Amino acid sequence: MAPQRIVILRHAEKPADANDPNLSPAGQARAQMLATLIPQLFPNPNFLFAAAPSTESNRPVETLQPTATALNMTLNASYADGDYARLAGDLLSQPAYDGTLIIICWHHGHIPKLAKALGVASSVVDSTPPVVNKKWDSTVFDRFWILDFSQAGVSLTSILQEPPQ
């Protein structure tokens, strides 16, 4: 039992003020762009998840809410940023998620750990040179990590957030 595909993205750009929990103007623009791009690249997602808002950050919710609105879907923001292992366990064990397409917006510090908890081999996440960066660079806001599930396991690819040509 597993989803068919999970797409993970980092929240959009944050402001220079470290105490501001919201998106910067550039981040707001990216969130609006993603509301068009996500349905183009990943049509008909079944579920949308974002790390729960906290006193430190509302950015994952703010990043994916325009997509949820555009798709007329509910955005599940009930998992705290540090609860990535619980989210992964639920996605891999609950029948409602079997064979589905799921989009997840999270904080960069936990994305590699979330990918591992979803079954991506440590050798893929932690390889040298990395297949993907084991640490999500703090300046990178424009990537999708795509996890495809099959009988052979979980594969991971990383692509830029750009419209199809």
N, C-alpha and C. Protein backbone atom coordinates (compact mmCIF):
# COMPACT_ATOMS: atom_id res chain seq x y z
N MET A 1 0.84 -1.17 0.00
CA MET A 1 0.00 0.00 0.00
C MET A 1 0.89 1.24 0.00
N ALA A 2 0.70 2.09 -1.01
CA ALA A 2 1.48 3.33 -1.09
C ALA A 2 0.83 4.27 -2.10
N PRO A 3 1.13 5.55 -1.97
CA PRO A 3 0.69 6.47 -3.01
C PRO A 3 1.37 6.10 -4.34
N GLN A 4 0.85 6.60 -5.43
CA GLN A 4 1.51 6.41 -6.71
C GLN A 4 2.67 7.40 -6.84
N ARG A 5 2.41 8.65 -6.44
CA ARG A 5 3.42 9.69 -6.54
C ARG A 5 3.21 10.71 -5.42
N ILE A 6 4.33 11.17 -4.86
CA ILE A 6 4.31 12.27 -3.91
C ILE A 6 5.28 13.33 -4.43
N VAL A 7 4.80 14.55 -4.51
CA VAL A 7 5.63 15.67 -4.94
C VAL A 7 5.85 16.56 -3.71
N ILE A 8 7.12 16.81 -3.42
CA ILE A 8 7.47 17.64 -2.26
C ILE A 8 8.13 18.92 -2.75
N LEU A 9 7.69 20.04 -2.19
CA LEU A 9 8.31 21.31 -2.49
C LEU A 9 8.53 22.08 -1.21
N ARG A 10 9.50 22.94 -1.27
CA ARG A 10 9.76 23.84 -0.15
C ARG A 10 8.81 25.02 -0.26
N HIS A 11 8.51 25.63 0.87
CA HIS A 11 7.72 26.86 0.83
C HIS A 11 8.43 27.90 -0.03
N ALA A 12 7.68 28.88 -0.51
CA ALA A 12 8.22 29.94 -1.35
C ALA A 12 9.07 30.91 -0.52
N GLU A 13 9.63 31.89 -1.20
CA GLU A 13 10.59 32.81 -0.61
C GLU A 13 10.08 33.49 0.65
N LYS A 14 11.02 33.63 1.59
CA LYS A 14 10.71 34.27 2.86
C LYS A 14 11.30 35.68 2.89
N PRO A 15 10.79 36.53 3.77
CA PRO A 15 11.31 37.89 3.85
C PRO A 15 12.67 37.94 4.54
N ALA A 16 13.35 39.07 4.38
CA ALA A 16 14.66 39.25 5.02
C ALA A 16 14.54 39.29 6.54
N ASP A 17 13.42 39.77 7.05
CA ASP A 17 13.20 39.84 8.49
C ASP A 17 12.92 38.43 9.03
N ALA A 18 13.86 37.90 9.78
CA ALA A 18 13.75 36.53 10.30
C ALA A 18 12.55 36.35 11.23
N ASN A 19 12.01 37.42 11.77
CA ASN A 19 10.87 37.32 12.67
C ASN A 19 9.53 37.34 11.95
N ASP A 20 9.55 37.57 10.65
CA ASP A 20 8.31 37.61 9.86
C ASP A 20 7.96 36.19 9.43
N PRO A 21 6.84 35.63 9.88
CA PRO A 21 6.50 34.24 9.56
C PRO A 21 5.84 34.05 8.19
N ASN A 22 5.67 35.14 7.44
CA ASN A 22 4.93 35.07 6.19
C ASN A 22 5.85 35.07 4.97
N LEU A 23 5.25 34.88 3.81
CA LEU A 23 6.01 34.94 2.56
C LEU A 23 6.39 36.37 2.22
N SER A 24 7.50 36.51 1.53
CA SER A 24 7.90 37.81 0.99
C SER A 24 7.04 38.10 -0.25
N PRO A 25 7.11 39.31 -0.81
CA PRO A 25 6.40 39.55 -2.07
C PRO A 25 6.80 38.57 -3.18
N ALA A 26 8.09 38.24 -3.26
CA ALA A 26 8.53 37.24 -4.25
C ALA A 26 7.91 35.88 -3.95
N GLY A 27 7.81 35.54 -2.68
CA GLY A 27 7.19 34.28 -2.28
C GLY A 27 5.71 34.24 -2.61
N GLN A 28 5.03 35.37 -2.41
CA GLN A 28 3.61 35.44 -2.77
C GLN A 28 3.43 35.27 -4.28
N ALA A 29 4.33 35.86 -5.05
CA ALA A 29 4.26 35.71 -6.51
C ALA A 29 4.50 34.25 -6.91
N ARG A 30 5.47 33.59 -6.25
CA ARG A 30 5.73 32.17 -6.55
C ARG A 30 4.51 31.33 -6.20
N ALA A 31 3.89 31.60 -5.06
CA ALA A 31 2.71 30.83 -4.64
C ALA A 31 1.60 30.95 -5.69
N GLN A 32 1.41 32.14 -6.24
CA GLN A 32 0.40 32.33 -7.29
C GLN A 32 0.79 31.58 -8.56
N MET A 33 2.07 31.61 -8.92
CA MET A 33 2.55 30.89 -10.09
C MET A 33 2.35 29.38 -9.92
N LEU A 34 2.62 28.88 -8.71
CA LEU A 34 2.47 27.44 -8.45
C LEU A 34 1.02 26.99 -8.59
N ALA A 35 0.08 27.89 -8.35
CA ALA A 35 -1.34 27.54 -8.48
C ALA A 35 -1.69 27.20 -9.92
N THR A 36 -0.92 27.67 -10.87
CA THR A 36 -1.08 27.31 -12.29
C THR A 36 -0.15 26.16 -12.65
N LEU A 37 1.09 26.21 -12.17
CA LEU A 37 2.09 25.22 -12.56
C LEU A 37 1.81 23.82 -12.02
N ILE A 38 1.46 23.72 -10.76
CA ILE A 38 1.24 22.39 -10.16
C ILE A 38 0.18 21.60 -10.93
N PRO A 39 -0.98 22.18 -11.25
CA PRO A 39 -1.96 21.40 -12.03
C PRO A 39 -1.48 21.05 -13.44
N GLN A 40 -0.60 21.88 -14.02
CA GLN A 40 -0.06 21.56 -15.34
C GLN A 40 0.89 20.38 -15.28
N LEU A 41 1.81 20.40 -14.31
CA LEU A 41 2.82 19.34 -14.20
C LEU A 41 2.30 18.08 -13.52
N PHE A 42 1.38 18.27 -12.58
CA PHE A 42 0.89 17.15 -11.77
C PHE A 42 -0.64 17.22 -11.74
N PRO A 43 -1.28 16.85 -12.86
CA PRO A 43 -2.74 17.01 -12.95
C PRO A 43 -3.51 16.15 -11.93
N ASN A 44 -4.59 16.71 -11.46
CA ASN A 44 -5.54 16.01 -10.60
C ASN A 44 -4.94 15.42 -9.32
N PRO A 45 -4.23 16.24 -8.53
CA PRO A 45 -3.76 15.70 -7.26
C PRO A 45 -4.95 15.31 -6.38
N ASN A 46 -4.73 14.28 -5.58
CA ASN A 46 -5.78 13.80 -4.69
C ASN A 46 -5.75 14.46 -3.32
N PHE A 47 -4.55 14.83 -2.87
CA PHE A 47 -4.39 15.41 -1.53
C PHE A 47 -3.31 16.48 -1.55
N LEU A 48 -3.51 17.52 -0.74
CA LEU A 48 -2.54 18.58 -0.55
C LEU A 48 -2.22 18.69 0.93
N PHE A 49 -0.93 18.72 1.26
CA PHE A 49 -0.47 18.85 2.64
C PHE A 49 0.52 19.99 2.75
N ALA A 50 0.50 20.68 3.87
CA ALA A 50 1.49 21.70 4.20
C ALA A 50 1.79 21.59 5.68
N ALA A 51 3.04 21.91 6.04
CA ALA A 51 3.39 21.94 7.46
C ALA A 51 2.48 22.94 8.16
N ALA A 52 2.04 22.59 9.34
CA ALA A 52 1.11 23.43 10.11
C ALA A 52 1.71 24.80 10.39
N PRO A 53 0.88 25.84 10.39
CA PRO A 53 1.37 27.16 10.77
C PRO A 53 1.89 27.14 12.21
N SER A 54 2.90 27.97 12.44
CA SER A 54 3.47 28.10 13.78
C SER A 54 3.82 29.57 14.01
N THR A 55 4.29 29.87 15.19
CA THR A 55 4.69 31.25 15.46
C THR A 55 5.89 31.66 14.61
N GLU A 56 6.66 30.67 14.14
CA GLU A 56 7.83 30.97 13.33
C GLU A 56 7.54 31.03 11.84
N SER A 57 6.51 30.29 11.37
CA SER A 57 6.29 30.26 9.92
C SER A 57 4.88 29.83 9.54
N ASN A 58 4.30 30.62 8.67
CA ASN A 58 3.04 30.27 7.99
C ASN A 58 3.32 29.95 6.52
N ARG A 59 4.59 29.94 6.14
CA ARG A 59 4.96 29.89 4.73
C ARG A 59 4.53 28.65 3.96
N PRO A 60 4.61 27.43 4.51
CA PRO A 60 4.13 26.29 3.72
C PRO A 60 2.64 26.41 3.36
N VAL A 61 1.83 26.83 4.32
CA VAL A 61 0.39 27.00 4.05
C VAL A 61 0.19 28.12 3.03
N GLU A 62 0.87 29.24 3.22
CA GLU A 62 0.73 30.37 2.30
C GLU A 62 1.19 30.01 0.89
N THR A 63 2.15 29.10 0.78
CA THR A 63 2.65 28.69 -0.53
C THR A 63 1.64 27.83 -1.27
N LEU A 64 0.99 26.89 -0.57
CA LEU A 64 0.11 25.93 -1.24
C LEU A 64 -1.37 26.34 -1.23
N GLN A 65 -1.74 27.32 -0.41
CA GLN A 65 -3.16 27.71 -0.36
C GLN A 65 -3.69 28.21 -1.70
N PRO A 66 -2.94 29.01 -2.48
CA PRO A 66 -3.48 29.40 -3.79
C PRO A 66 -3.75 28.20 -4.71
N THR A 67 -2.93 27.17 -4.61
CA THR A 67 -3.16 25.95 -5.40
C THR A 67 -4.43 25.26 -4.92
N ALA A 68 -4.59 25.16 -3.61
CA ALA A 68 -5.79 24.54 -3.05
C ALA A 68 -7.04 25.31 -3.50
N THR A 69 -6.96 26.61 -3.47
CA THR A 69 -8.10 27.45 -3.88
C THR A 69 -8.39 27.24 -5.37
N ALA A 70 -7.34 27.26 -6.19
CA ALA A 70 -7.52 27.09 -7.64
C ALA A 70 -8.13 25.73 -7.98
N LEU A 71 -7.77 24.71 -7.20
CA LEU A 71 -8.25 23.35 -7.47
C LEU A 71 -9.52 23.02 -6.68
N ASN A 72 -9.97 23.98 -5.87
CA ASN A 72 -11.14 23.76 -5.02
C ASN A 72 -10.94 22.53 -4.12
N MET A 73 -9.75 22.47 -3.50
CA MET A 73 -9.38 21.35 -2.63
C MET A 73 -9.11 21.87 -1.22
N THR A 74 -9.18 20.96 -0.27
CA THR A 74 -8.82 21.26 1.11
C THR A 74 -7.32 21.07 1.27
N LEU A 75 -6.68 22.00 1.94
CA LEU A 75 -5.26 21.89 2.27
C LEU A 75 -5.16 21.38 3.69
N ASN A 76 -4.56 20.21 3.86
CA ASN A 76 -4.38 19.62 5.18
C ASN A 76 -3.11 20.19 5.80
N ALA A 77 -3.26 20.99 6.84
CA ALA A 77 -2.13 21.58 7.54
C ALA A 77 -2.16 21.16 9.01
N SER A 78 -2.47 19.89 9.25
CA SER A 78 -2.61 19.41 10.62
C SER A 78 -1.34 18.77 11.18
N TYR A 79 -0.30 18.65 10.36
CA TYR A 79 0.96 18.04 10.82
C TYR A 79 1.99 19.14 11.06
N ALA A 80 2.55 19.18 12.26
CA ALA A 80 3.60 20.15 12.57
C ALA A 80 4.85 19.81 11.77
N ASP A 81 5.69 20.80 11.56
CA ASP A 81 6.92 20.63 10.78
C ASP A 81 7.74 19.43 11.26
N GLY A 82 7.88 19.27 12.56
CA GLY A 82 8.66 18.16 13.11
C GLY A 82 7.96 16.82 13.06
N ASP A 83 6.68 16.79 12.65
CA ASP A 83 5.91 15.55 12.56
C ASP A 83 5.98 14.89 11.19
N TYR A 84 7.06 15.14 10.47
CA TYR A 84 7.19 14.58 9.12
C TYR A 84 7.15 13.05 9.14
N ALA A 85 7.70 12.41 10.17
CA ALA A 85 7.70 10.94 10.23
C ALA A 85 6.27 10.41 10.41
N ARG A 86 5.47 11.10 11.21
CA ARG A 86 4.08 10.70 11.40
C ARG A 86 3.29 10.87 10.10
N LEU A 87 3.53 11.99 9.39
CA LEU A 87 2.88 12.19 8.09
C LEU A 87 3.27 11.06 7.15
N ALA A 88 4.55 10.75 7.05
CA ALA A 88 5.00 9.69 6.16
C ALA A 88 4.35 8.36 6.54
N GLY A 89 4.33 8.05 7.81
CA GLY A 89 3.70 6.80 8.25
C GLY A 89 2.24 6.72 7.87
N ASP A 90 1.53 7.83 8.03
CA ASP A 90 0.11 7.85 7.66
C ASP A 90 -0.06 7.67 6.15
N LEU A 91 0.76 8.35 5.36
CA LEU A 91 0.63 8.26 3.90
C LEU A 91 0.93 6.85 3.38
N LEU A 92 1.81 6.15 4.09
CA LEU A 92 2.20 4.80 3.65
C LEU A 92 1.33 3.70 4.22
N SER A 93 0.47 4.03 5.19
CA SER A 93 -0.30 2.96 5.83
C SER A 93 -1.81 3.10 5.70
N GLN A 94 -2.31 4.29 5.43
CA GLN A 94 -3.75 4.47 5.37
C GLN A 94 -4.27 4.20 3.96
N PRO A 95 -5.28 3.36 3.84
CA PRO A 95 -5.81 2.98 2.52
C PRO A 95 -6.26 4.17 1.66
N ALA A 96 -6.68 5.25 2.26
CA ALA A 96 -7.15 6.41 1.48
C ALA A 96 -6.06 6.97 0.57
N TYR A 97 -4.79 6.75 0.90
CA TYR A 97 -3.69 7.32 0.12
C TYR A 97 -3.12 6.35 -0.92
N ASP A 98 -3.59 5.11 -0.92
CA ASP A 98 -3.07 4.10 -1.84
C ASP A 98 -3.35 4.51 -3.29
N GLY A 99 -2.29 4.54 -4.11
CA GLY A 99 -2.43 4.82 -5.54
C GLY A 99 -2.72 6.26 -5.89
N THR A 100 -2.52 7.20 -4.97
CA THR A 100 -2.90 8.59 -5.19
C THR A 100 -1.70 9.48 -5.54
N LEU A 101 -2.01 10.70 -5.95
CA LEU A 101 -1.02 11.75 -6.18
C LEU A 101 -1.17 12.76 -5.04
N ILE A 102 -0.06 12.99 -4.34
CA ILE A 102 -0.06 13.86 -3.16
C ILE A 102 0.98 14.95 -3.34
N ILE A 103 0.60 16.18 -3.04
CA ILE A 103 1.52 17.32 -3.07
C ILE A 103 1.75 17.75 -1.63
N ILE A 104 3.04 17.92 -1.26
CA ILE A 104 3.40 18.30 0.11
C ILE A 104 4.32 19.52 0.06
N CYS A 105 3.99 20.55 0.84
CA CYS A 105 4.86 21.72 0.98
C CYS A 105 5.37 21.74 2.42
N TRP A 106 6.70 21.80 2.57
CA TRP A 106 7.30 21.65 3.89
C TRP A 106 8.46 22.64 4.04
N HIS A 107 9.10 22.60 5.20
CA HIS A 107 10.30 23.40 5.46
C HIS A 107 11.53 22.63 4.99
N HIS A 108 12.48 23.35 4.41
CA HIS A 108 13.63 22.71 3.78
C HIS A 108 14.45 21.83 4.72
N GLY A 109 14.51 22.18 6.00
CA GLY A 109 15.33 21.41 6.93
C GLY A 109 14.86 19.98 7.13
N HIS A 110 13.57 19.73 6.90
CA HIS A 110 13.03 18.38 7.12
C HIS A 110 12.71 17.64 5.81
N ILE A 111 12.84 18.28 4.68
CA ILE A 111 12.47 17.61 3.42
C ILE A 111 13.30 16.35 3.17
N PRO A 112 14.63 16.37 3.32
CA PRO A 112 15.37 15.11 3.12
C PRO A 112 14.93 14.00 4.09
N LYS A 113 14.65 14.37 5.34
CA LYS A 113 14.20 13.37 6.32
C LYS A 113 12.80 12.86 5.97
N LEU A 114 11.95 13.73 5.46
CA LEU A 114 10.62 13.32 5.01
C LEU A 114 10.75 12.33 3.86
N ALA A 115 11.63 12.63 2.91
CA ALA A 115 11.84 11.72 1.77
C ALA A 115 12.31 10.34 2.25
N LYS A 116 13.24 10.32 3.18
CA LYS A 116 13.71 9.04 3.73
C LYS A 116 12.58 8.30 4.44
N ALA A 117 11.78 9.04 5.22
CA ALA A 117 10.67 8.41 5.94
C ALA A 117 9.63 7.84 4.97
N LEU A 118 9.58 8.38 3.77
CA LEU A 118 8.66 7.88 2.74
C LEU A 118 9.25 6.72 1.94
N GLY A 119 10.48 6.35 2.26
CA GLY A 119 11.07 5.17 1.63
C GLY A 119 12.17 5.43 0.63
N VAL A 120 12.56 6.67 0.42
CA VAL A 120 13.68 6.96 -0.47
C VAL A 120 14.95 6.45 0.21
N ALA A 121 15.74 5.70 -0.51
CA ALA A 121 16.94 5.11 0.05
C ALA A 121 17.90 6.19 0.55
N SER A 122 18.49 5.94 1.71
CA SER A 122 19.48 6.88 2.25
C SER A 122 20.61 7.09 1.26
N SER A 123 20.96 6.03 0.50
CA SER A 123 22.06 6.15 -0.47
C SER A 123 21.74 7.18 -1.55
N VAL A 124 20.46 7.40 -1.83
CA VAL A 124 20.07 8.41 -2.81
C VAL A 124 20.16 9.79 -2.20
N VAL A 125 19.65 9.95 -0.99
CA VAL A 125 19.62 11.26 -0.34
C VAL A 125 21.00 11.65 0.18
N ASP A 126 21.78 10.68 0.66
CA ASP A 126 23.06 10.98 1.30
C ASP A 126 24.28 10.69 0.45
N SER A 127 24.12 10.39 -0.85
CA SER A 127 25.25 10.02 -1.68
C SER A 127 26.20 11.18 -1.89
N THR A 128 27.46 10.85 -2.22
CA THR A 128 28.47 11.86 -2.51
C THR A 128 29.09 11.52 -3.85
N PRO A 129 29.01 12.38 -4.88
CA PRO A 129 28.21 13.60 -4.85
C PRO A 129 26.74 13.23 -4.78
N PRO A 130 25.95 14.11 -4.23
CA PRO A 130 24.56 13.75 -4.00
C PRO A 130 23.76 13.63 -5.29
N VAL A 131 22.90 12.62 -5.34
CA VAL A 131 21.93 12.52 -6.42
C VAL A 131 20.99 13.71 -6.27
N VAL A 132 20.60 13.94 -5.05
CA VAL A 132 19.88 15.15 -4.64
C VAL A 132 20.61 15.62 -3.39
N ASN A 133 20.50 16.86 -3.07
CA ASN A 133 21.21 17.34 -1.89
C ASN A 133 20.61 16.78 -0.61
N LYS A 134 21.48 16.17 0.23
CA LYS A 134 20.98 15.64 1.49
C LYS A 134 20.52 16.77 2.41
N LYS A 135 21.07 17.94 2.21
CA LYS A 135 20.56 19.14 2.88
C LYS A 135 19.94 20.00 1.80
N TRP A 136 18.73 20.41 2.00
CA TRP A 136 18.08 21.30 1.04
C TRP A 136 18.70 22.67 1.27
N ASP A 137 19.38 23.22 0.29
CA ASP A 137 20.06 24.50 0.41
C ASP A 137 19.08 25.58 0.85
N SER A 138 19.47 26.38 1.81
CA SER A 138 18.57 27.38 2.38
C SER A 138 18.20 28.49 1.41
N THR A 139 18.90 28.59 0.27
CA THR A 139 18.59 29.63 -0.71
C THR A 139 17.74 29.10 -1.87
N VAL A 140 17.41 27.81 -1.85
CA VAL A 140 16.68 27.20 -2.97
C VAL A 140 15.19 27.13 -2.66
N PHE A 141 14.41 27.76 -3.54
CA PHE A 141 12.95 27.78 -3.39
C PHE A 141 12.24 27.25 -4.63
N ASP A 142 12.99 26.80 -5.65
CA ASP A 142 12.39 26.52 -6.95
C ASP A 142 12.54 25.08 -7.42
N ARG A 143 12.41 24.12 -6.51
CA ARG A 143 12.57 22.70 -6.87
C ARG A 143 11.34 21.90 -6.47
N PHE A 144 11.09 20.86 -7.22
CA PHE A 144 10.16 19.81 -6.84
C PHE A 144 10.97 18.54 -6.65
N TRP A 145 10.73 17.82 -5.58
CA TRP A 145 11.23 16.45 -5.44
C TRP A 145 10.05 15.55 -5.75
N ILE A 146 10.23 14.65 -6.70
CA ILE A 146 9.16 13.77 -7.15
C ILE A 146 9.50 12.35 -6.72
N LEU A 147 8.65 11.78 -5.89
CA LEU A 147 8.82 10.41 -5.40
C LEU A 147 7.80 9.54 -6.12
N ASP A 148 8.30 8.59 -6.90
CA ASP A 148 7.43 7.65 -7.60
C ASP A 148 7.55 6.29 -6.94
N PHE A 149 6.40 5.71 -6.62
CA PHE A 149 6.33 4.44 -5.90
C PHE A 149 6.01 3.32 -6.87
N SER A 150 6.75 2.20 -6.77
CA SER A 150 6.50 1.02 -7.61
C SER A 150 6.86 -0.23 -6.81
N GLN A 151 6.67 -1.37 -7.42
CA GLN A 151 7.03 -2.65 -6.77
C GLN A 151 8.53 -2.68 -6.45
N ALA A 152 9.33 -1.97 -7.25
CA ALA A 152 10.78 -1.96 -7.06
C ALA A 152 11.23 -1.03 -5.94
N GLY A 153 10.33 -0.19 -5.45
CA GLY A 153 10.69 0.75 -4.39
C GLY A 153 10.28 2.16 -4.75
N VAL A 154 10.99 3.11 -4.17
CA VAL A 154 10.68 4.53 -4.37
C VAL A 154 11.84 5.18 -5.11
N SER A 155 11.52 5.83 -6.23
CA SER A 155 12.54 6.58 -6.96
C SER A 155 12.35 8.07 -6.69
N LEU A 156 13.42 8.81 -6.77
CA LEU A 156 13.39 10.23 -6.51
C LEU A 156 14.03 10.98 -7.66
N THR A 157 13.31 11.97 -8.20
CA THR A 157 13.88 12.88 -9.16
C THR A 157 13.63 14.30 -8.66
N SER A 158 14.44 15.22 -9.14
CA SER A 158 14.33 16.62 -8.75
C SER A 158 14.27 17.45 -10.02
N ILE A 159 13.26 18.34 -10.10
CA ILE A 159 13.12 19.20 -11.26
C ILE A 159 12.90 20.64 -10.82
N LEU A 160 13.20 21.57 -11.72
CA LEU A 160 12.93 22.98 -11.47
C LEU A 160 11.45 23.26 -11.59
N GLN A 161 11.01 24.26 -10.88
CA GLN A 161 9.62 24.71 -10.98
C GLN A 161 9.50 25.65 -12.17
N GLU A 162 9.36 25.06 -13.35
CA GLU A 162 9.18 25.86 -14.55
C GLU A 162 8.12 25.24 -15.44
N PRO A 163 7.38 26.10 -16.15
CA PRO A 163 6.28 25.59 -16.98
C PRO A 163 6.79 24.65 -18.07
N PRO A 164 5.97 23.67 -18.46
CA PRO A 164 6.36 22.78 -19.55
C PRO A 164 6.52 23.57 -20.85
N GLN A 165 7.46 23.14 -21.68
CA GLN A 165 7.70 23.82 -22.96
C GLN A 165 6.87 23.24 -24.06
